[in-house]
Amino acid sequence: MIGKVLVGAVGAAACIGLAAPAGASTPQDFLAAARAAGVTGSDPGMLADGYDVCWQLWNQHAPGTQVAAGLVRDHPTLTSDQAGHFVLAAYNDLCPVPGAYDYWAYSTS
């Protein structure tokens, strides 16, 4: 009986340890936020554009307004408001948090 209780307690602790941290965002959160703003498209296409937004924000240090203008240029059916919400959704739910990956510390070149 005690063995079953211990196994159950260990299993519950493992589940809690593997759960996503509170406030952790997922690609599904990004898709939901983008769709709530009226943006439509296939999941893979929207995720590709979302990760491209992150790349422009983090690697090119582009301002969000410039990234949103590029989305409107590349996707003429988007309004400026939708593009702005898309950029914010990507920033909040897809892009890495500052300091999560230090390129210079882990680079092999």
Protein backbone atom coordinates (compact mmCIF):
# COMPACT_ATOMS: atom_id res chain seq x y z
CA MET A 1 0.00 0.00 0.00
CA ILE A 2 2.78 2.45 0.90
CA GLY A 3 4.53 1.59 -2.36
CA LYS A 4 1.44 2.58 -4.35
CA VAL A 5 1.16 5.86 -2.45
CA LEU A 6 4.84 6.65 -3.08
CA VAL A 7 4.53 5.83 -6.78
CA GLY A 8 1.45 8.05 -6.98
CA ALA A 9 3.23 10.90 -5.19
CA VAL A 10 6.29 10.60 -7.43
CA GLY A 11 4.06 10.55 -10.52
CA ALA A 12 2.21 13.67 -9.39
CA ALA A 13 5.49 15.45 -8.62
CA ALA A 14 6.85 14.51 -12.04
CA CYS A 15 3.74 15.88 -13.75
CA ILE A 16 4.05 19.14 -11.86
CA GLY A 17 7.74 19.39 -12.73
CA LEU A 18 7.05 18.83 -16.42
CA ALA A 19 4.19 21.31 -16.63
CA ALA A 20 4.87 24.51 -18.52
CA PRO A 21 5.79 27.42 -16.26
CA ALA A 22 3.01 29.87 -15.49
CA GLY A 23 2.91 32.55 -18.15
CA ALA A 24 4.76 30.46 -20.73
CA SER A 25 3.50 31.17 -24.23
CA THR A 26 3.01 28.64 -26.98
CA PRO A 27 2.61 28.80 -30.75
CA GLN A 28 -1.08 28.13 -30.16
CA ASP A 29 -1.25 31.30 -28.04
CA PHE A 30 0.31 33.22 -30.92
CA LEU A 31 -2.13 31.78 -33.45
CA ALA A 32 -5.09 32.55 -31.18
CA ALA A 33 -3.94 36.15 -30.65
CA ALA A 34 -3.33 36.69 -34.36
CA ARG A 35 -6.72 35.22 -35.27
CA ALA A 36 -8.41 37.34 -32.59
CA ALA A 37 -7.02 40.37 -34.44
CA GLY A 38 -8.66 39.15 -37.66
CA VAL A 39 -5.57 37.65 -39.31
CA THR A 40 -6.32 34.51 -41.30
CA GLY A 41 -4.12 31.91 -42.92
CA SER A 42 -2.74 28.42 -42.51
CA ASP A 43 -1.01 27.58 -39.24
CA PRO A 44 2.36 26.82 -40.90
CA GLY A 45 2.27 30.02 -42.94
CA MET A 46 1.31 32.18 -39.98
CA LEU A 47 3.99 30.58 -37.81
CA ALA A 48 6.62 31.13 -40.51
CA ASP A 49 5.66 34.80 -40.74
CA GLY A 50 5.59 35.05 -36.95
CA TYR A 51 9.09 33.62 -36.60
CA ASP A 52 10.24 35.96 -39.37
CA VAL A 53 8.85 38.86 -37.33
CA CYS A 54 10.94 37.66 -34.38
CA TRP A 55 14.03 37.43 -36.57
CA GLN A 56 13.54 40.99 -37.81
CA LEU A 57 12.93 42.34 -34.31
CA TRP A 58 15.83 40.52 -32.64
CA ASN A 59 18.48 40.15 -35.34
CA GLN A 60 17.88 43.21 -37.47
CA HIS A 61 16.74 45.37 -34.54
CA ALA A 62 13.92 46.62 -36.76
CA PRO A 63 11.23 48.74 -35.11
CA GLY A 64 7.86 47.02 -34.79
CA THR A 65 6.19 49.63 -36.98
CA GLN A 66 8.64 48.87 -39.79
CA VAL A 67 8.04 45.12 -39.44
CA ALA A 68 4.25 45.69 -39.52
CA ALA A 69 4.60 47.85 -42.64
CA GLY A 70 6.56 45.03 -44.29
CA LEU A 71 3.75 42.59 -43.47
CA VAL A 72 1.19 44.89 -45.09
CA ARG A 73 3.45 45.19 -48.14
CA ASP A 74 3.90 41.42 -48.41
CA HIS A 75 0.27 40.59 -47.56
CA PRO A 76 -1.94 43.32 -49.10
CA THR A 77 -5.10 41.90 -47.49
CA LEU A 78 -3.77 42.81 -44.02
CA THR A 79 -4.71 46.14 -42.53
CA SER A 80 -2.10 48.14 -40.64
CA ASP A 81 -3.99 47.43 -37.41
CA GLN A 82 -3.98 43.67 -38.07
CA ALA A 83 -0.27 43.75 -38.92
CA GLY A 84 0.47 45.65 -35.71
CA HIS A 85 -1.44 43.09 -33.65
CA PHE A 86 0.36 40.28 -35.51
CA VAL A 87 3.75 41.78 -34.61
CA LEU A 88 2.70 42.15 -30.96
CA ALA A 89 1.38 38.58 -30.88
CA ALA A 90 4.68 37.28 -32.28
CA TYR A 91 6.69 39.40 -29.83
CA ASN A 92 4.63 38.22 -26.85
CA ASP A 93 4.11 34.56 -27.77
CA LEU A 94 6.84 33.42 -30.19
CA CYS A 95 9.97 35.49 -29.78
CA PRO A 96 12.57 34.40 -27.23
CA VAL A 97 12.91 36.37 -24.06
CA PRO A 98 16.02 38.54 -23.81
CA GLY A 99 18.97 36.58 -22.56
CA ALA A 100 17.43 33.18 -23.28
CA TYR A 101 20.10 32.44 -25.88
CA ASP A 102 23.49 34.13 -25.98
CA TYR A 103 24.78 33.66 -29.53
CA TRP A 104 28.26 34.85 -28.66
CA ALA A 105 28.60 32.43 -25.77
CA TYR A 106 27.51 29.40 -27.79
CA SER A 107 28.79 30.24 -31.27
CA THR A 108 31.33 27.89 -32.82
CA SER A 109 32.71 30.44 -35.27
